[in-house]
Amino acid sequence: GDRKLLQAPGAFGENISTVGITEENICMGDIISC
């Protein structure tokens, strides 16, 4: 359901929220600069 927690990032205790990067296109051991 469309709960208040789901209206913005942070529902799952995450530190970083993005769009377009998922478990499908990230690999174990990837080295990323930010």
PDB file of all heavy atoms in Angstrom:
ATOM      1  N   GLY A   1       0.814  -1.207   0.000  1.00  0.00           N
ATOM      2  CA  GLY A   1       0.000   0.000   0.000  1.00  0.00           C
ATOM      3  C   GLY A   1       0.848   1.258   0.000  1.00  0.00           C
ATOM      4  O   GLY A   1       2.038   1.241   0.317  1.00  0.00           O
ATOM      5  N   ASP A   2       0.211   2.362  -0.339  1.00  0.00           N
ATOM      6  CA  ASP A   2       0.929   3.638  -0.455  1.00  0.00           C
ATOM      7  C   ASP A   2       1.070   4.287   0.912  1.00  0.00           C
ATOM      8  O   ASP A   2       0.435   5.290   1.232  1.00  0.00           O
ATOM      9  CB  ASP A   2       0.179   4.555  -1.420  1.00  0.00           C
ATOM     10  CG  ASP A   2       1.038   5.724  -1.869  1.00  0.00           C
ATOM     11  OD1 ASP A   2       2.253   5.692  -1.607  1.00  0.00           O
ATOM     12  OD2 ASP A   2       0.493   6.661  -2.463  1.00  0.00           O
ATOM     13  N   ARG A   3       1.936   3.696   1.715  1.00  0.00           N
ATOM     14  CA  ARG A   3       2.135   4.155   3.089  1.00  0.00           C
ATOM     15  C   ARG A   3       2.961   5.435   3.129  1.00  0.00           C
ATOM     16  O   ARG A   3       3.743   5.715   2.215  1.00  0.00           O
ATOM     17  CB  ARG A   3       2.843   3.066   3.903  1.00  0.00           C
ATOM     18  CG  ARG A   3       2.018   1.790   4.031  1.00  0.00           C
ATOM     19  CD  ARG A   3       2.833   0.639   4.579  1.00  0.00           C
ATOM     20  NE  ARG A   3       1.966  -0.519   4.760  1.00  0.00           N
ATOM     21  CZ  ARG A   3       1.312  -0.783   5.881  1.00  0.00           C
ATOM     22  NH1 ARG A   3       1.442   0.031   6.928  1.00  0.00           N
ATOM     23  NH2 ARG A   3       0.530  -1.836   5.971  1.00  0.00           N
ATOM     24  N   LYS A   4       2.816   6.164   4.211  1.00  0.00           N
ATOM     25  CA  LYS A   4       3.565   7.415   4.373  1.00  0.00           C
ATOM     26  C   LYS A   4       5.060   7.178   4.264  1.00  0.00           C
ATOM     27  O   LYS A   4       5.793   7.982   3.676  1.00  0.00           O
ATOM     28  CB  LYS A   4       3.213   8.056   5.714  1.00  0.00           C
ATOM     29  CG  LYS A   4       3.886   9.399   5.944  1.00  0.00           C
ATOM     30  CD  LYS A   4       3.450  10.023   7.264  1.00  0.00           C
ATOM     31  CE  LYS A   4       4.132  11.374   7.488  1.00  0.00           C
ATOM     32  NZ  LYS A   4       3.728  11.970   8.793  1.00  0.00           N
ATOM     33  N   LEU A   5       5.545   6.062   4.823  1.00  0.00           N
ATOM     34  CA  LEU A   5       6.971   5.753   4.779  1.00  0.00           C
ATOM     35  C   LEU A   5       7.498   5.654   3.351  1.00  0.00           C
ATOM     36  O   LEU A   5       8.679   5.885   3.103  1.00  0.00           O
ATOM     37  CB  LEU A   5       7.250   4.424   5.500  1.00  0.00           C
ATOM     38  CG  LEU A   5       7.481   4.447   7.007  1.00  0.00           C
ATOM     39  CD1 LEU A   5       7.657   3.029   7.519  1.00  0.00           C
ATOM     40  CD2 LEU A   5       8.685   5.303   7.367  1.00  0.00           C
ATOM     41  N   LEU A   6       6.617   5.295   2.411  1.00  0.00           N
ATOM     42  CA  LEU A   6       7.039   5.045   1.039  1.00  0.00           C
ATOM     43  C   LEU A   6       6.894   6.258   0.132  1.00  0.00           C
ATOM     44  O   LEU A   6       7.078   6.155  -1.078  1.00  0.00           O
ATOM     45  CB  LEU A   6       6.246   3.870   0.465  1.00  0.00           C
ATOM     46  CG  LEU A   6       6.481   2.523   1.164  1.00  0.00           C
ATOM     47  CD1 LEU A   6       5.503   1.480   0.649  1.00  0.00           C
ATOM     48  CD2 LEU A   6       7.919   2.047   0.966  1.00  0.00           C
ATOM     49  N   GLN A   7       6.591   7.397   0.707  1.00  0.00           N
ATOM     50  CA  GLN A   7       6.403   8.598  -0.103  1.00  0.00           C
ATOM     51  C   GLN A   7       7.710   9.304  -0.443  1.00  0.00           C
ATOM     52  O   GLN A   7       7.742  10.184  -1.298  1.00  0.00           O
ATOM     53  CB  GLN A   7       5.454   9.564   0.623  1.00  0.00           C
ATOM     54  CG  GLN A   7       4.034   9.028   0.729  1.00  0.00           C
ATOM     55  CD  GLN A   7       3.107   9.948   1.509  1.00  0.00           C
ATOM     56  OE1 GLN A   7       3.497  11.057   1.890  1.00  0.00           O
ATOM     57  NE2 GLN A   7       1.892   9.493   1.745  1.00  0.00           N
ATOM     58  N   ALA A   8       8.788   8.906   0.217  1.00  0.00           N
ATOM     59  CA  ALA A   8      10.096   9.512  -0.041  1.00  0.00           C
ATOM     60  C   ALA A   8      11.179   8.511   0.362  1.00  0.00           C
ATOM     61  O   ALA A   8      10.918   7.579   1.125  1.00  0.00           O
ATOM     62  CB  ALA A   8      10.249  10.809   0.754  1.00  0.00           C
ATOM     63  N   PRO A   9      12.394   8.655  -0.154  1.00  0.00           N
ATOM     64  CA  PRO A   9      13.488   7.759   0.242  1.00  0.00           C
ATOM     65  C   PRO A   9      13.687   7.756   1.757  1.00  0.00           C
ATOM     66  O   PRO A   9      13.386   8.733   2.437  1.00  0.00           O
ATOM     67  CB  PRO A   9      14.698   8.352  -0.485  1.00  0.00           C
ATOM     68  CG  PRO A   9      14.127   9.079  -1.644  1.00  0.00           C
ATOM     69  CD  PRO A   9      12.824   9.648  -1.162  1.00  0.00           C
ATOM     70  N   GLY A  10      14.217   6.646   2.254  1.00  0.00           N
ATOM     71  CA  GLY A  10      14.518   6.521   3.674  1.00  0.00           C
ATOM     72  C   GLY A  10      13.715   5.468   4.393  1.00  0.00           C
ATOM     73  O   GLY A  10      13.974   5.176   5.565  1.00  0.00           O
ATOM     74  N   ALA A  11      12.742   4.857   3.719  1.00  0.00           N
ATOM     75  CA  ALA A  11      11.882   3.875   4.388  1.00  0.00           C
ATOM     76  C   ALA A  11      12.660   2.684   4.914  1.00  0.00           C
ATOM     77  O   ALA A  11      12.276   2.077   5.917  1.00  0.00           O
ATOM     78  CB  ALA A  11      10.795   3.397   3.417  1.00  0.00           C
ATOM     79  N   PHE A  12      13.760   2.345   4.253  1.00  0.00           N
ATOM     80  CA  PHE A  12      14.476   1.122   4.586  1.00  0.00           C
ATOM     81  C   PHE A  12      15.808   1.386   5.299  1.00  0.00           C
ATOM     82  O   PHE A  12      16.654   0.508   5.395  1.00  0.00           O
ATOM     83  CB  PHE A  12      14.696   0.303   3.311  1.00  0.00           C
ATOM     84  CG  PHE A  12      13.409  -0.010   2.612  1.00  0.00           C
ATOM     85  CD1 PHE A  12      12.972   0.770   1.554  1.00  0.00           C
ATOM     86  CD2 PHE A  12      12.605  -1.051   3.055  1.00  0.00           C
ATOM     87  CE1 PHE A  12      11.758   0.511   0.928  1.00  0.00           C
ATOM     88  CE2 PHE A  12      11.393  -1.319   2.435  1.00  0.00           C
ATOM     89  CZ  PHE A  12      10.959  -0.535   1.377  1.00  0.00           C
ATOM     90  N   GLY A  13      15.979   2.600   5.780  1.00  0.00           N
ATOM     91  CA  GLY A  13      17.187   2.923   6.515  1.00  0.00           C
ATOM     92  C   GLY A  13      18.403   3.116   5.645  1.00  0.00           C
ATOM     93  O   GLY A  13      19.540   3.037   6.122  1.00  0.00           O
ATOM     94  N   GLU A  14      18.174   3.412   4.363  1.00  0.00           N
ATOM     95  CA  GLU A  14      19.294   3.565   3.442  1.00  0.00           C
ATOM     96  C   GLU A  14      20.035   4.878   3.664  1.00  0.00           C
ATOM     97  O   GLU A  14      19.460   5.864   4.100  1.00  0.00           O
ATOM     98  CB  GLU A  14      18.814   3.470   1.986  1.00  0.00           C
ATOM     99  CG  GLU A  14      17.800   4.512   1.558  1.00  0.00           C
ATOM    100  CD  GLU A  14      16.356   4.039   1.654  1.00  0.00           C
ATOM    101  OE1 GLU A  14      16.039   3.351   2.647  1.00  0.00           O
ATOM    102  OE2 GLU A  14      15.556   4.381   0.778  1.00  0.00           O
ATOM    103  N   ASN A  15      21.311   4.870   3.312  1.00  0.00           N
ATOM    104  CA  ASN A  15      22.144   6.084   3.340  1.00  0.00           C
ATOM    105  C   ASN A  15      22.139   6.817   2.012  1.00  0.00           C
ATOM    106  O   ASN A  15      22.263   8.037   1.973  1.00  0.00           O
ATOM    107  CB  ASN A  15      23.595   5.748   3.690  1.00  0.00           C
ATOM    108  CG  ASN A  15      23.765   5.170   5.070  1.00  0.00           C
ATOM    109  OD1 ASN A  15      24.254   4.048   5.209  1.00  0.00           O
ATOM    110  ND2 ASN A  15      23.371   5.902   6.089  1.00  0.00           N
ATOM    111  N   ILE A  16      22.048   6.057   0.912  1.00  0.00           N
ATOM    112  CA  ILE A  16      22.094   6.622  -0.435  1.00  0.00           C
ATOM    113  C   ILE A  16      20.880   6.143  -1.214  1.00  0.00           C
ATOM    114  O   ILE A  16      20.558   4.948  -1.207  1.00  0.00           O
ATOM    115  CB  ILE A  16      23.373   6.198  -1.181  1.00  0.00           C
ATOM    116  CG1 ILE A  16      24.624   6.766  -0.508  1.00  0.00           C
ATOM    117  CG2 ILE A  16      23.319   6.631  -2.640  1.00  0.00           C
ATOM    118  CD1 ILE A  16      25.907   6.276  -1.147  1.00  0.00           C
ATOM    119  N   SER A  17      20.219   7.056  -1.901  1.00  0.00           N
ATOM    120  CA  SER A  17      19.099   6.712  -2.779  1.00  0.00           C
ATOM    121  C   SER A  17      19.414   7.189  -4.196  1.00  0.00           C
ATOM    122  O   SER A  17      19.898   8.313  -4.387  1.00  0.00           O
ATOM    123  CB  SER A  17      17.808   7.364  -2.290  1.00  0.00           C
ATOM    124  OG  SER A  17      16.721   7.056  -3.143  1.00  0.00           O
ATOM    125  N   THR A  18      19.160   6.322  -5.165  1.00  0.00           N
ATOM    126  CA  THR A  18      19.403   6.639  -6.566  1.00  0.00           C
ATOM    127  C   THR A  18      18.281   6.073  -7.427  1.00  0.00           C
ATOM    128  O   THR A  18      17.456   5.287  -6.956  1.00  0.00           O
ATOM    129  CB  THR A  18      20.726   6.024  -7.067  1.00  0.00           C
ATOM    130  OG1 THR A  18      20.655   4.599  -6.912  1.00  0.00           O
ATOM    131  CG2 THR A  18      21.923   6.562  -6.313  1.00  0.00           C
ATOM    132  N   VAL A  19      18.285   6.447  -8.683  1.00  0.00           N
ATOM    133  CA  VAL A  19      17.391   5.859  -9.683  1.00  0.00           C
ATOM    134  C   VAL A  19      18.259   5.337 -10.827  1.00  0.00           C
ATOM    135  O   VAL A  19      19.181   6.026 -11.279  1.00  0.00           O
ATOM    136  CB  VAL A  19      16.370   6.888 -10.204  1.00  0.00           C
ATOM    137  CG1 VAL A  19      15.587   6.331 -11.382  1.00  0.00           C
ATOM    138  CG2 VAL A  19      15.425   7.313  -9.094  1.00  0.00           C
ATOM    139  N   GLY A  20      17.968   4.111 -11.270  1.00  0.00           N
ATOM    140  CA  GLY A  20      18.659   3.552 -12.418  1.00  0.00           C
ATOM    141  C   GLY A  20      19.783   2.589 -12.087  1.00  0.00           C
ATOM    142  O   GLY A  20      20.341   1.958 -12.980  1.00  0.00           O
ATOM    143  N   ILE A  21      20.138   2.478 -10.810  1.00  0.00           N
ATOM    144  CA  ILE A  21      21.173   1.538 -10.380  1.00  0.00           C
ATOM    145  C   ILE A  21      20.501   0.498  -9.490  1.00  0.00           C
ATOM    146  O   ILE A  21      19.942   0.847  -8.447  1.00  0.00           O
ATOM    147  CB  ILE A  21      22.298   2.225  -9.590  1.00  0.00           C
ATOM    148  CG1 ILE A  21      22.769   3.499 -10.279  1.00  0.00           C
ATOM    149  CG2 ILE A  21      23.464   1.269  -9.382  1.00  0.00           C
ATOM    150  CD1 ILE A  21      23.750   4.313  -9.446  1.00  0.00           C
ATOM    151  N   THR A  22      20.525  -0.765  -9.887  1.00  0.00           N
ATOM    152  CA  THR A  22      19.870  -1.813  -9.100  1.00  0.00           C
ATOM    153  C   THR A  22      20.783  -3.038  -8.994  1.00  0.00           C
ATOM    154  O   THR A  22      21.890  -3.056  -9.551  1.00  0.00           O
ATOM    155  CB  THR A  22      18.539  -2.241  -9.739  1.00  0.00           C
ATOM    156  OG1 THR A  22      18.812  -3.000 -10.936  1.00  0.00           O
ATOM    157  CG2 THR A  22      17.654  -1.046 -10.061  1.00  0.00           C
ATOM    158  N   GLU A  23      20.282  -4.064  -8.339  1.00  0.00           N
ATOM    159  CA  GLU A  23      21.001  -5.326  -8.200  1.00  0.00           C
ATOM    160  C   GLU A  23      21.263  -5.992  -9.548  1.00  0.00           C
ATOM    161  O   GLU A  23      22.100  -6.889  -9.648  1.00  0.00           O
ATOM    162  CB  GLU A  23      20.219  -6.279  -7.292  1.00  0.00           C
ATOM    163  CG  GLU A  23      20.044  -5.795  -5.860  1.00  0.00           C
ATOM    164  CD  GLU A  23      18.883  -4.826  -5.686  1.00  0.00           C
ATOM    165  OE1 GLU A  23      18.215  -4.480  -6.698  1.00  0.00           O
ATOM    166  OE2 GLU A  23      18.629  -4.412  -4.552  1.00  0.00           O
ATOM    167  N   GLU A  24      20.547  -5.557 -10.577  1.00  0.00           N
ATOM    168  CA  GLU A  24      20.741  -6.109 -11.920  1.00  0.00           C
ATOM    169  C   GLU A  24      22.033  -5.615 -12.560  1.00  0.00           C
ATOM    170  O   GLU A  24      22.640  -6.339 -13.358  1.00  0.00           O
ATOM    171  CB  GLU A  24      19.558  -5.724 -12.820  1.00  0.00           C
ATOM    172  CG  GLU A  24      18.217  -6.275 -12.385  1.00  0.00           C
ATOM    173  CD  GLU A  24      18.095  -7.764 -12.637  1.00  0.00           C
ATOM    174  OE1 GLU A  24      18.659  -8.246 -13.625  1.00  0.00           O
ATOM    175  OE2 GLU A  24      17.420  -8.437 -11.825  1.00  0.00           O
ATOM    176  N   ASN A  25      22.447  -4.393 -12.257  1.00  0.00           N
ATOM    177  CA  ASN A  25      23.599  -3.822 -12.967  1.00  0.00           C
ATOM    178  C   ASN A  25      24.753  -3.413 -12.051  1.00  0.00           C
ATOM    179  O   ASN A  25      25.624  -2.651 -12.453  1.00  0.00           O
ATOM    180  CB  ASN A  25      23.162  -2.633 -13.832  1.00  0.00           C
ATOM    181  CG  ASN A  25      22.358  -1.586 -13.066  1.00  0.00           C
ATOM    182  OD1 ASN A  25      22.508  -1.423 -11.862  1.00  0.00           O
ATOM    183  ND2 ASN A  25      21.495  -0.867 -13.771  1.00  0.00           N
ATOM    184  N   ILE A  26      24.739  -3.946 -10.821  1.00  0.00           N
ATOM    185  CA  ILE A  26      25.867  -3.773  -9.892  1.00  0.00           C
ATOM    186  C   ILE A  26      26.411  -5.159  -9.565  1.00  0.00           C
ATOM    187  O   ILE A  26      25.641  -6.114  -9.395  1.00  0.00           O
ATOM    188  CB  ILE A  26      25.406  -3.067  -8.595  1.00  0.00           C
ATOM    189  CG1 ILE A  26      25.167  -1.590  -8.845  1.00  0.00           C
ATOM    190  CG2 ILE A  26      26.428  -3.235  -7.475  1.00  0.00           C
ATOM    191  CD1 ILE A  26      26.421  -0.771  -9.119  1.00  0.00           C
ATOM    192  N   CYS A  27      27.734  -5.263  -9.470  1.00  0.00           N
ATOM    193  CA  CYS A  27      28.366  -6.559  -9.206  1.00  0.00           C
ATOM    194  C   CYS A  27      29.130  -6.546  -7.886  1.00  0.00           C
ATOM    195  O   CYS A  27      29.588  -5.491  -7.427  1.00  0.00           O
ATOM    196  CB  CYS A  27      29.343  -6.906 -10.333  1.00  0.00           C
ATOM    197  SG  CYS A  27      28.584  -7.073 -11.960  1.00  0.00           S
ATOM    198  N   MET A  28      29.281  -7.725  -7.312  1.00  0.00           N
ATOM    199  CA  MET A  28      30.132  -7.867  -6.132  1.00  0.00           C
ATOM    200  C   MET A  28      31.537  -7.371  -6.462  1.00  0.00           C
ATOM    201  O   MET A  28      32.109  -7.715  -7.498  1.00  0.00           O
ATOM    202  CB  MET A  28      30.204  -9.334  -5.705  1.00  0.00           C
ATOM    203  CG  MET A  28      28.987  -9.836  -4.961  1.00  0.00           C
ATOM    204  SD  MET A  28      28.894  -9.220  -3.258  1.00  0.00           S
ATOM    205  CE  MET A  28      30.205 -10.160  -2.470  1.00  0.00           C
ATOM    206  N   GLY A  29      32.076  -6.549  -5.580  1.00  0.00           N
ATOM    207  CA  GLY A  29      33.440  -6.087  -5.748  1.00  0.00           C
ATOM    208  C   GLY A  29      33.608  -4.889  -6.652  1.00  0.00           C
ATOM    209  O   GLY A  29      34.750  -4.441  -6.874  1.00  0.00           O
ATOM    210  N   ASP A  30      32.512  -4.347  -7.203  1.00  0.00           N
ATOM    211  CA  ASP A  30      32.629  -3.145  -8.026  1.00  0.00           C
ATOM    212  C   ASP A  30      33.337  -2.038  -7.240  1.00  0.00           C
ATOM    213  O   ASP A  30      33.039  -1.816  -6.057  1.00  0.00           O
ATOM    214  CB  ASP A  30      31.251  -2.640  -8.450  1.00  0.00           C
ATOM    215  CG  ASP A  30      30.698  -3.345  -9.676  1.00  0.00           C
ATOM    216  OD1 ASP A  30      31.382  -4.231 -10.221  1.00  0.00           O
ATOM    217  OD2 ASP A  30      29.568  -3.001 -10.090  1.00  0.00           O
ATOM    218  N   ILE A  31      34.244  -1.341  -7.896  1.00  0.00           N
ATOM    219  CA  ILE A  31      34.936  -0.198  -7.306  1.00  0.00           C
ATOM    220  C   ILE A  31      34.346   1.063  -7.928  1.00  0.00           C
ATOM    221  O   ILE A  31      34.324   1.213  -9.152  1.00  0.00           O
ATOM    222  CB  ILE A  31      36.450  -0.248  -7.559  1.00  0.00           C
ATOM    223  CG1 ILE A  31      37.030  -1.602  -7.118  1.00  0.00           C
ATOM    224  CG2 ILE A  31      37.145   0.900  -6.831  1.00  0.00           C
ATOM    225  CD1 ILE A  31      36.902  -1.890  -5.641  1.00  0.00           C
ATOM    226  N   ILE A  32      33.859   1.956  -7.070  1.00  0.00           N
ATOM    227  CA  ILE A  32      33.112   3.121  -7.527  1.00  0.00           C
ATOM    228  C   ILE A  32      33.669   4.374  -6.873  1.00  0.00           C
ATOM    229  O   ILE A  32      33.923   4.399  -5.656  1.00  0.00           O
ATOM    230  CB  ILE A  32      31.617   2.952  -7.161  1.00  0.00           C
ATOM    231  CG1 ILE A  32      31.023   1.746  -7.903  1.00  0.00           C
ATOM    232  CG2 ILE A  32      30.825   4.221  -7.463  1.00  0.00           C
ATOM    233  CD1 ILE A  32      29.655   1.329  -7.408  1.00  0.00           C
ATOM    234  N   SER A  33      33.852   5.421  -7.678  1.00  0.00           N
ATOM    235  CA  SER A  33      34.233   6.711  -7.115  1.00  0.00           C
ATOM    236  C   SER A  33      32.995   7.579  -6.969  1.00  0.00           C
ATOM    237  O   SER A  33      32.083   7.532  -7.798  1.00  0.00           O
ATOM    238  CB  SER A  33      35.263   7.410  -8.003  1.00  0.00           C
ATOM    239  OG  SER A  33      34.691   7.790  -9.245  1.00  0.00           O
ATOM    240  N   CYS A  34      32.974   8.363  -5.904  1.00  0.00           N
ATOM    241  CA  CYS A  34      31.852   9.273  -5.657  1.00  0.00           C
ATOM    242  C   CYS A  34      32.383  10.452  -4.855  1.00  0.00           C
ATOM    243  O   CYS A  34      32.880  10.270  -3.732  1.00  0.00           O
ATOM    244  CB  CYS A  34      30.734   8.558  -4.898  1.00  0.00           C
ATOM    245  SG  CYS A  34      29.257   9.574  -4.654  1.00  0.00           S
TER     246      CYS A  34
END
